[in-house]
PDB file of N, CA and C in Angstrom:
ATOM      1  N   MET A   1     -13.619   7.750  -2.343  1.00  0.00           N
ATOM      2  CA  MET A   1     -12.279   8.635  -2.982  1.00  0.00           C
ATOM      3  C   MET A   1     -12.727   9.115  -4.226  1.00  0.00           C
ATOM      4  N   PRO A   2     -12.328  10.567  -4.052  1.00  0.00           N
ATOM      5  CA  PRO A   2     -12.559  11.207  -5.614  1.00  0.00           C
ATOM      6  C   PRO A   2     -11.272  11.067  -5.968  1.00  0.00           C
ATOM      7  N   ILE A   3     -11.216  11.057  -7.692  1.00  0.00           N
ATOM      8  CA  ILE A   3      -9.597  11.191  -8.393  1.00  0.00           C
ATOM      9  C   ILE A   3      -9.505  12.521  -7.985  1.00  0.00           C
ATOM     10  N   THR A   4      -8.001  12.044  -7.811  1.00  0.00           N
ATOM     11  CA  THR A   4      -7.238  13.586  -7.429  1.00  0.00           C
ATOM     12  C   THR A   4      -5.926  13.562  -8.051  1.00  0.00           C
ATOM     13  N   THR A   5      -5.502  14.659  -8.372  1.00  0.00           N
ATOM     14  CA  THR A   5      -3.941  13.948  -9.098  1.00  0.00           C
ATOM     15  C   THR A   5      -3.428  13.504  -8.249  1.00  0.00           C
ATOM     16  N   ILE A   6      -3.057  13.199  -6.917  1.00  0.00           N
ATOM     17  CA  ILE A   6      -2.436  12.927  -5.651  1.00  0.00           C
ATOM     18  C   ILE A   6      -3.155  11.430  -6.009  1.00  0.00           C
ATOM     19  N   SER A   7      -4.084  10.960  -6.210  1.00  0.00           N
ATOM     20  CA  SER A   7      -4.280   9.318  -6.470  1.00  0.00           C
ATOM     21  C   SER A   7      -4.044   8.885  -7.780  1.00  0.00           C
ATOM     22  N   ASP A   8      -3.831  10.203  -8.699  1.00  0.00           N
ATOM     23  CA  ASP A   8      -3.471   9.522  -9.747  1.00  0.00           C
ATOM     24  C   ASP A   8      -1.822   9.305  -9.802  1.00  0.00           C
ATOM     25  N   LEU A   9      -1.181  10.370  -8.945  1.00  0.00           N
ATOM     26  CA  LEU A   9       0.123   9.589  -9.265  1.00  0.00           C
ATOM     27  C   LEU A   9       0.199   8.140  -8.576  1.00  0.00           C
ATOM     28  N   TYR A  10      -0.292   8.102  -6.937  1.00  0.00           N
ATOM     29  CA  TYR A  10      -0.416   6.681  -6.657  1.00  0.00           C
ATOM     30  C   TYR A  10      -0.669   5.658  -7.591  1.00  0.00           C
ATOM     31  N   ASN A  11      -1.630   5.729  -8.800  1.00  0.00           N
ATOM     32  CA  ASN A  11      -1.864   4.737  -8.761  1.00  0.00           C
ATOM     33  C   ASN A  11      -1.281   4.559 -10.193  1.00  0.00           C
ATOM     34  N   GLY A  12      -0.657   5.285 -10.283  1.00  0.00           N
ATOM     35  CA  GLY A  12       0.400   5.223 -11.651  1.00  0.00           C
ATOM     36  C   GLY A  12       0.305   6.358 -12.877  1.00  0.00           C
ATOM     37  N   THR A  13      -1.238   6.384 -13.007  1.00  0.00           N
ATOM     38  CA  THR A  13      -2.172   7.589 -13.710  1.00  0.00           C
ATOM     39  C   THR A  13      -1.059   8.437 -15.083  1.00  0.00           C
ATOM     40  N   ILE A  14      -0.425   9.150 -13.438  1.00  0.00           N
ATOM     41  CA  ILE A  14       0.828   9.743 -13.752  1.00  0.00           C
ATOM     42  C   ILE A  14       2.341   9.624 -13.810  1.00  0.00           C
ATOM     43  N   PRO A  15       3.255   9.343 -14.872  1.00  0.00           N
ATOM     44  CA  PRO A  15       4.553   8.650 -14.234  1.00  0.00           C
ATOM     45  C   PRO A  15       5.095   9.385 -13.826  1.00  0.00           C
ATOM     46  N   VAL A  16       6.186   8.933 -12.530  1.00  0.00           N
ATOM     47  CA  VAL A  16       6.902   9.525 -12.366  1.00  0.00           C
ATOM     48  C   VAL A  16       8.492   9.042 -12.831  1.00  0.00           C
ATOM     49  N   GLN A  17       9.462   9.914 -12.120  1.00  0.00           N
ATOM     50  CA  GLN A  17      10.777   9.604 -12.958  1.00  0.00           C
ATOM     51  C   GLN A  17      11.383   8.047 -12.277  1.00  0.00           C
ATOM     52  N   THR A  18      11.247   8.378 -10.894  1.00  0.00           N
ATOM     53  CA  THR A  18      11.592   6.803  -9.868  1.00  0.00           C
ATOM     54  C   THR A  18      10.475   5.838  -9.251  1.00  0.00           C
ATOM     55  N   VAL A  19      11.503   4.477  -9.905  1.00  0.00           N
ATOM     56  CA  VAL A  19      10.530   3.664  -8.887  1.00  0.00           C
ATOM     57  C   VAL A  19      10.944   3.127  -7.609  1.00  0.00           C
ATOM     58  N   ILE A  20       9.986   3.296  -6.297  1.00  0.00           N
ATOM     59  CA  ILE A  20      10.421   2.910  -5.159  1.00  0.00           C
ATOM     60  C   ILE A  20      10.360   2.047  -4.903  1.00  0.00           C
ATOM     61  N   LEU A  21      11.359   1.162  -3.955  1.00  0.00           N
ATOM     62  CA  LEU A  21      11.358  -0.157  -3.629  1.00  0.00           C
ATOM     63  C   LEU A  21      11.969  -0.245  -3.157  1.00  0.00           C
ATOM     64  N   PRO A  22      11.745  -0.955  -1.527  1.00  0.00           N
ATOM     65  CA  PRO A  22      12.558  -1.102  -0.317  1.00  0.00           C
ATOM     66  C   PRO A  22      13.860  -1.683  -0.923  1.00  0.00           C
ATOM     67  N   ASN A  23      14.528  -1.328   0.047  1.00  0.00           N
ATOM     68  CA  ASN A  23      16.179  -2.337  -0.373  1.00  0.00           C
ATOM     69  C   ASN A  23      16.517  -2.319   0.936  1.00  0.00           C
ATOM     70  N   ASP A  24      16.046  -2.098   2.002  1.00  0.00           N
ATOM     71  CA  ASP A  24      16.527  -2.511   3.543  1.00  0.00           C
ATOM     72  C   ASP A  24      16.554  -4.081   3.752  1.00  0.00           C
ATOM     73  N   ASN A  25      17.584  -4.526   4.074  1.00  0.00           N
ATOM     74  CA  ASN A  25      17.799  -6.064   5.180  1.00  0.00           C
ATOM     75  C   ASN A  25      16.789  -6.598   5.180  1.00  0.00           C
ATOM     76  N   LYS A  26      16.021  -5.782   6.810  1.00  0.00           N
ATOM     77  CA  LYS A  26      14.724  -6.119   7.263  1.00  0.00           C
ATOM     78  C   LYS A  26      13.336  -6.254   6.138  1.00  0.00           C
ATOM     79  N   TYR A  27      13.292  -6.150   5.524  1.00  0.00           N
ATOM     80  CA  TYR A  27      12.080  -5.962   4.175  1.00  0.00           C
ATOM     81  C   TYR A  27      12.298  -7.143   3.991  1.00  0.00           C
ATOM     82  N   GLN A  28      14.130  -7.086   3.194  1.00  0.00           N
ATOM     83  CA  GLN A  28      13.794  -8.274   2.243  1.00  0.00           C
ATOM     84  C   GLN A  28      14.028  -9.797   3.119  1.00  0.00           C
ATOM     85  N   GLN A  29      14.178  -9.818   4.337  1.00  0.00           N
ATOM     86  CA  GLN A  29      14.604 -10.922   5.242  1.00  0.00           C
ATOM     87  C   GLN A  29      12.766 -11.109   5.540  1.00  0.00           C
ATOM     88  N   LEU A  30      11.653  -9.909   6.021  1.00  0.00           N
ATOM     89  CA  LEU A  30      10.697 -10.324   6.172  1.00  0.00           C
ATOM     90  C   LEU A  30       9.725 -10.927   4.971  1.00  0.00           C
ATOM     91  N   SER A  31      10.176 -10.501   3.719  1.00  0.00           N
ATOM     92  CA  SER A  31      10.007 -11.438   2.370  1.00  0.00           C
ATOM     93  C   SER A  31      10.162 -12.836   2.125  1.00  0.00           C
ATOM     94  N   ASP A  32      11.154 -12.992   2.529  1.00  0.00           N
ATOM     95  CA  ASP A  32      11.888 -14.491   2.174  1.00  0.00           C
ATOM     96  C   ASP A  32      11.051 -15.106   3.259  1.00  0.00           C
ATOM     97  N   ASP A  33      10.677 -14.880   4.626  1.00  0.00           N
ATOM     98  CA  ASP A  33       9.930 -15.521   5.367  1.00  0.00           C
ATOM     99  C   ASP A  33       8.501 -15.745   5.302  1.00  0.00           C
ATOM    100  N   TYR A  34       8.184 -15.000   4.843  1.00  0.00           N
ATOM    101  CA  TYR A  34       6.882 -14.602   4.112  1.00  0.00           C
ATOM    102  C   TYR A  34       6.404 -15.985   2.948  1.00  0.00           C
ATOM    103  N   VAL A  35       7.653 -15.798   2.466  1.00  0.00           N
ATOM    104  CA  VAL A  35       7.066 -16.364   0.449  1.00  0.00           C
ATOM    105  C   VAL A  35       7.708 -17.666   1.545  1.00  0.00           C
ATOM    106  N   SER A  36       8.457 -18.244   2.145  1.00  0.00           N
ATOM    107  CA  SER A  36       8.924 -19.238   2.822  1.00  0.00           C
ATOM    108  C   SER A  36       7.589 -19.786   3.450  1.00  0.00           C
ATOM    109  N   THR A  37       7.081 -19.180   4.540  1.00  0.00           N
ATOM    110  CA  THR A  37       6.114 -19.468   5.268  1.00  0.00           C
ATOM    111  C   THR A  37       4.991 -20.079   4.418  1.00  0.00           C
ATOM    112  N   TYR A  38       4.293 -19.640   3.121  1.00  0.00           N
ATOM    113  CA  TYR A  38       3.491 -19.177   2.390  1.00  0.00           C
ATOM    114  C   TYR A  38       3.667 -20.318   2.026  1.00  0.00           C
ATOM    115  N   LYS A  39       4.290 -20.878   1.216  1.00  0.00           N
ATOM    116  CA  LYS A  39       4.667 -22.336   0.735  1.00  0.00           C
ATOM    117  C   LYS A  39       4.505 -23.629   1.615  1.00  0.00           C
ATOM    118  N   THR A  40       5.035 -23.772   2.442  1.00  0.00           N
ATOM    119  CA  THR A  40       4.993 -24.405   3.484  1.00  0.00           C
ATOM    120  C   THR A  40       3.155 -24.367   4.131  1.00  0.00           C
ATOM    121  N   LEU A  41       2.646 -23.176   3.883  1.00  0.00           N
ATOM    122  CA  LEU A  41       1.137 -23.635   4.295  1.00  0.00           C
ATOM    123  C   LEU A  41       0.211 -24.267   3.033  1.00  0.00           C
ATOM    124  N   ILE A  42       0.952 -23.380   1.864  1.00  0.00           N
ATOM    125  CA  ILE A  42      -0.527 -24.444   0.784  1.00  0.00           C
ATOM    126  C   ILE A  42       0.212 -25.669   0.466  1.00  0.00           C
ATOM    127  N   ASP A  43       1.218 -26.697   0.697  1.00  0.00           N
ATOM    128  CA  ASP A  43       1.138 -27.397   1.221  1.00  0.00           C
ATOM    129  C   ASP A  43       0.566 -28.847   1.978  1.00  0.00           C
ATOM    130  N   LEU A  44       0.362 -28.027   3.017  1.00  0.00           N
ATOM    131  CA  LEU A  44      -0.663 -28.310   3.445  1.00  0.00           C
ATOM    132  C   LEU A  44      -2.011 -28.451   3.328  1.00  0.00           C
ATOM    133  N   LEU A  45      -2.539 -27.618   2.824  1.00  0.00           N
ATOM    134  CA  LEU A  45      -3.839 -27.423   2.549  1.00  0.00           C
ATOM    135  C   LEU A  45      -4.534 -28.381   1.210  1.00  0.00           C
ATOM    136  N   ASP A  46      -6.104 -28.813   1.621  1.00  0.00           N
ATOM    137  CA  ASP A  46      -6.531 -29.191   0.289  1.00  0.00           C
ATOM    138  C   ASP A  46      -6.792 -28.112  -0.486  1.00  0.00           C
ATOM    139  N   THR A  47      -7.988 -28.974  -1.772  1.00  0.00           N
ATOM    140  CA  THR A  47      -7.576 -28.124  -2.537  1.00  0.00           C
ATOM    141  C   THR A  47      -8.945 -27.432  -2.310  1.00  0.00           C
ATOM    142  N   GLN A  48      -9.674 -27.085  -1.545  1.00  0.00           N
ATOM    143  CA  GLN A  48     -11.054 -26.369  -1.018  1.00  0.00           C
ATOM    144  C   GLN A  48     -10.265 -24.911  -0.052  1.00  0.00           C
ATOM    145  N   GLN A  49      -9.467 -25.744   0.522  1.00  0.00           N
ATOM    146  CA  GLN A  49      -8.783 -24.918   1.607  1.00  0.00           C
ATOM    147  C   GLN A  49      -7.780 -24.147   1.413  1.00  0.00           C
ATOM    148  N   LEU A  50      -7.116 -24.433   0.193  1.00  0.00           N
ATOM    149  CA  LEU A  50      -6.464 -23.599  -0.626  1.00  0.00           C
ATOM    150  C   LEU A  50      -7.137 -22.795  -1.627  1.00  0.00           C
ATOM    151  N   GLU A  51      -8.225 -22.688  -1.782  1.00  0.00           N
ATOM    152  CA  GLU A  51      -9.522 -22.004  -2.574  1.00  0.00           C
ATOM    153  C   GLU A  51     -10.076 -20.805  -1.551  1.00  0.00           C
ATOM    154  N   LEU A  52      -9.853 -20.929  -0.640  1.00  0.00           N
ATOM    155  CA  LEU A  52     -10.615 -20.482   0.544  1.00  0.00           C
ATOM    156  C   LEU A  52      -9.601 -19.355   1.174  1.00  0.00           C
ATOM    157  N   PHE A  53      -8.573 -19.889   0.963  1.00  0.00           N
ATOM    158  CA  PHE A  53      -6.782 -19.074   1.849  1.00  0.00           C
ATOM    159  C   PHE A  53      -6.419 -17.931   0.663  1.00  0.00           C
ATOM    160  N   ASN A  54      -6.996 -18.502  -0.630  1.00  0.00           N
ATOM    161  CA  ASN A  54      -6.655 -17.468  -1.748  1.00  0.00           C
ATOM    162  C   ASN A  54      -7.545 -16.350  -1.721  1.00  0.00           C
ATOM    163  N   ARG A  55      -8.907 -16.901  -1.619  1.00  0.00           N
ATOM    164  CA  ARG A  55      -9.915 -15.683  -1.678  1.00  0.00           C
ATOM    165  C   ARG A  55      -9.275 -14.732  -0.499  1.00  0.00           C
ATOM    166  N   ILE A  56      -9.511 -15.412   0.702  1.00  0.00           N
ATOM    167  CA  ILE A  56      -8.450 -13.919   1.909  1.00  0.00           C
ATOM    168  C   ILE A  56      -7.580 -13.336   1.984  1.00  0.00           C
ATOM    169  N   THR A  57      -6.536 -14.538   1.201  1.00  0.00           N
ATOM    170  CA  THR A  57      -5.457 -13.141   0.743  1.00  0.00           C
ATOM    171  C   THR A  57      -5.610 -12.129  -0.087  1.00  0.00           C
ATOM    172  N   ASP A  58      -6.726 -12.768  -1.277  1.00  0.00           N
ATOM    173  CA  ASP A  58      -6.959 -11.672  -2.066  1.00  0.00           C
ATOM    174  C   ASP A  58      -7.807 -10.357  -1.492  1.00  0.00           C
ATOM    175  N   LEU A  59      -8.454 -10.931  -0.576  1.00  0.00           N
ATOM    176  CA  LEU A  59      -9.364 -10.016  -0.697  1.00  0.00           C
ATOM    177  C   LEU A  59      -8.346  -9.262   0.556  1.00  0.00           C
ATOM    178  N   GLN A  60      -7.914  -9.498   1.461  1.00  0.00           N
ATOM    179  CA  GLN A  60      -6.997  -9.017   2.415  1.00  0.00           C
ATOM    180  C   GLN A  60      -5.765  -8.113   1.379  1.00  0.00           C
ATOM    181  N   GLY A  61      -5.427  -7.973   0.396  1.00  0.00           N
ATOM    182  CA  GLY A  61      -4.907  -7.650  -0.399  1.00  0.00           C
ATOM    183  C   GLY A  61      -5.480  -6.174  -1.377  1.00  0.00           C
ATOM    184  N   ARG A  62      -6.773  -6.603  -1.658  1.00  0.00           N
ATOM    185  CA  ARG A  62      -7.529  -5.338  -1.674  1.00  0.00           C
ATOM    186  C   ARG A  62      -7.251  -4.405  -0.565  1.00  0.00           C
ATOM    187  N   ILE A  63      -7.619  -4.840  -0.025  1.00  0.00           N
ATOM    188  CA  ILE A  63      -8.101  -3.980   1.427  1.00  0.00           C
ATOM    189  C   ILE A  63      -6.646  -2.663   1.628  1.00  0.00           C
ATOM    190  N   ASP A  64      -5.656  -3.959   1.941  1.00  0.00           N
ATOM    191  CA  ASP A  64      -3.685  -3.463   1.686  1.00  0.00           C
ATOM    192  C   ASP A  64      -4.123  -2.091   0.790  1.00  0.00           C
ATOM    193  N   ALA A  65      -3.877  -2.215  -0.165  1.00  0.00           N
ATOM    194  CA  ALA A  65      -4.359  -1.376  -1.636  1.00  0.00           C
ATOM    195  C   ALA A  65      -4.481  -0.505  -1.553  1.00  0.00           C
ATOM    196  N   MET A  66      -6.252  -0.253  -0.896  1.00  0.00           N
ATOM    197  CA  MET A  66      -7.276   1.043  -0.821  1.00  0.00           C
ATOM    198  C   MET A  66      -6.500   1.557   0.509  1.00  0.00           C
ATOM    199  N   ASP A  67      -6.327   0.818   1.687  1.00  0.00           N
ATOM    200  CA  ASP A  67      -5.816   1.758   2.555  1.00  0.00           C
ATOM    201  C   ASP A  67      -4.314   2.688   2.147  1.00  0.00           C
ATOM    202  N   ALA A  68      -3.983   1.818   1.421  1.00  0.00           N
ATOM    203  CA  ALA A  68      -2.408   2.654   1.414  1.00  0.00           C
ATOM    204  C   ALA A  68      -2.540   3.370   0.076  1.00  0.00           C
ATOM    205  N   ALA A  69      -3.510   3.607  -0.793  1.00  0.00           N
ATOM    206  CA  ALA A  69      -3.828   4.603  -1.373  1.00  0.00           C
ATOM    207  C   ALA A  69      -4.473   5.761  -0.736  1.00  0.00           C
ATOM    208  N   TYR A  70      -5.426   5.299  -0.224  1.00  0.00           N
ATOM    209  CA  TYR A  70      -5.599   6.746   1.005  1.00  0.00           C
ATOM    210  C   TYR A  70      -4.889   7.534   2.053  1.00  0.00           C
ATOM    211  N   ARG A  71      -4.420   6.708   2.399  1.00  0.00           N
ATOM    212  CA  ARG A  71      -3.039   6.817   3.549  1.00  0.00           C
ATOM    213  C   ARG A  71      -1.779   7.484   2.741  1.00  0.00           C
ATOM    214  N   TYR A  72      -1.892   7.628   0.807  1.00  0.00           N
ATOM    215  CA  TYR A  72      -0.422   7.988   0.463  1.00  0.00           C
ATOM    216  C   TYR A  72      -1.329   9.265   0.584  1.00  0.00           C
ATOM    217  N   VAL A  73      -2.481   9.722   0.078  1.00  0.00           N
ATOM    218  CA  VAL A  73      -3.133  10.834  -0.087  1.00  0.00           C
ATOM    219  C   VAL A  73      -3.339  11.154   0.760  1.00  0.00           C
ATOM    220  N   GLN A  74      -3.679  11.173   1.088  1.00  0.00           N
ATOM    221  CA  GLN A  74      -4.188  11.628   2.946  1.00  0.00           C
ATOM    222  C   GLN A  74      -2.732  12.192   3.308  1.00  0.00           C
ATOM    223  N   GLY A  75      -1.245  11.381   3.299  1.00  0.00           N
ATOM    224  CA  GLY A  75      -0.144  12.116   3.897  1.00  0.00           C
ATOM    225  C   GLY A  75       0.145  13.628   2.737  1.00  0.00           C
ATOM    226  N   PHE A  76      -0.128  13.728   1.604  1.00  0.00           N
ATOM    227  CA  PHE A  76       0.156  14.193   0.873  1.00  0.00           C
ATOM    228  C   PHE A  76      -0.742  15.399   1.459  1.00  0.00           C
ATOM    229  N   ARG A  77      -1.830  15.379   1.670  1.00  0.00           N
ATOM    230  CA  ARG A  77      -2.658  16.588   1.725  1.00  0.00           C
ATOM    231  C   ARG A  77      -2.079  16.783   3.655  1.00  0.00           C
ATOM    232  N   ASP A  78      -1.735  16.296   4.590  1.00  0.00           N
ATOM    233  CA  ASP A  78      -1.556  16.663   5.278  1.00  0.00           C
ATOM    234  C   ASP A  78       0.753  17.400   5.616  1.00  0.00           C
ATOM    235  N   GLY A  79       0.990  16.872   4.492  1.00  0.00           N
ATOM    236  CA  GLY A  79       1.957  17.671   4.423  1.00  0.00           C
ATOM    237  C   GLY A  79       1.563  19.395   3.293  1.00  0.00           C
ATOM    238  N   ALA A  80       0.993  18.976   3.114  1.00  0.00           N
ATOM    239  CA  ALA A  80       0.052  20.483   2.279  1.00  0.00           C
ATOM    240  C   ALA A  80      -0.070  21.030   3.329  1.00  0.00           C
ATOM    241  N   GLY A  81      -0.960  20.727   4.448  1.00  0.00           N
ATOM    242  CA  GLY A  81      -1.455  21.950   5.699  1.00  0.00           C
ATOM    243  C   GLY A  81      -0.435  22.146   6.153  1.00  0.00           C
ATOM    244  N   ILE A  82       0.800  21.081   6.810  1.00  0.00           N
ATOM    245  CA  ILE A  82       1.835  21.467   7.513  1.00  0.00           C
ATOM    246  C   ILE A  82       2.517  22.895   6.965  1.00  0.00           C
ATOM    247  N   MET A  83       3.108  22.539   5.547  1.00  0.00           N
ATOM    248  CA  MET A  83       3.323  23.580   4.953  1.00  0.00           C
ATOM    249  C   MET A  83       3.073  25.252   5.080  1.00  0.00           C
ATOM    250  N   LEU A  84       1.428  25.233   4.362  1.00  0.00           N
ATOM    251  CA  LEU A  84       0.533  26.141   4.273  1.00  0.00           C
ATOM    252  C   LEU A  84       0.608  26.484   6.166  1.00  0.00           C
ATOM    253  N   ASP A  85       1.075  25.930   7.185  1.00  0.00           N
ATOM    254  CA  ASP A  85       0.494  26.246   8.890  1.00  0.00           C
ATOM    255  C   ASP A  85       1.809  27.470   8.218  1.00  0.00           C
ATOM    256  N   VAL A  86       3.251  26.430   8.200  1.00  0.00           N
ATOM    257  CA  VAL A  86       4.481  27.456   8.530  1.00  0.00           C
ATOM    258  C   VAL A  86       4.710  28.866   7.804  1.00  0.00           C
ATOM    259  N   VAL A  87       4.403  28.731   6.251  1.00  0.00           N
ATOM    260  CA  VAL A  87       3.903  30.015   5.798  1.00  0.00           C
ATOM    261  C   VAL A  87       2.809  30.827   6.285  1.00  0.00           C
ATOM    262  N   GLY A  88       2.170  30.149   7.230  1.00  0.00           N
ATOM    263  CA  GLY A  88       1.152  31.399   8.174  1.00  0.00           C
ATOM    264  C   GLY A  88      -0.480  31.326   6.822  1.00  0.00           C
ATOM    265  N   ILE A  89      -0.789  30.338   6.878  1.00  0.00           N
ATOM    266  CA  ILE A  89      -2.258  30.523   5.741  1.00  0.00           C
ATOM    267  C   ILE A  89      -2.872  29.497   6.362  1.00  0.00           C
ATOM    268  N   ALA A  90      -4.397  30.236   6.717  1.00  0.00           N
ATOM    269  CA  ALA A  90      -4.877  29.474   7.453  1.00  0.00           C
ATOM    270  C   ALA A  90      -5.710  28.612   6.846  1.00  0.00           C
ATOM    271  N   THR A  91      -5.552  27.118   6.944  1.00  0.00           N
ATOM    272  CA  THR A  91      -6.319  26.329   6.039  1.00  0.00           C
ATOM    273  C   THR A  91      -7.904  26.064   6.945  1.00  0.00           C
ATOM    274  N   VAL A  92      -8.862  25.698   6.107  1.00  0.00           N
ATOM    275  CA  VAL A  92      -9.885  25.461   6.618  1.00  0.00           C
ATOM    276  C   VAL A  92     -10.344  23.902   6.853  1.00  0.00           C
ATOM    277  N   LYS A  93     -11.118  23.399   7.951  1.00  0.00           N
ATOM    278  CA  LYS A  93     -10.723  21.634   8.071  1.00  0.00           C
ATOM    279  C   LYS A  93     -12.641  21.349   8.185  1.00  0.00           C
TER     280      LYS A  93
END
């Protein structure tokens, strides 16, 4: 993915005025459940299993971060395309 102003914004290279954090009760409940379940699982794993589990979760986190960045940029592009369509400017796909 080429570096763009949108991806710079997402990655924090361009500072924004506010930080967006979910404050939804469902989000907090899911987060709490995740932490509790994670701690329970960690207690069941031996050292080798724990290393493997941590590697898997690290890889999943990296994939999720890349996916979020792509979707963030694509969302801006989609929004811009919609705005151009609304004002009657043709876009090239």
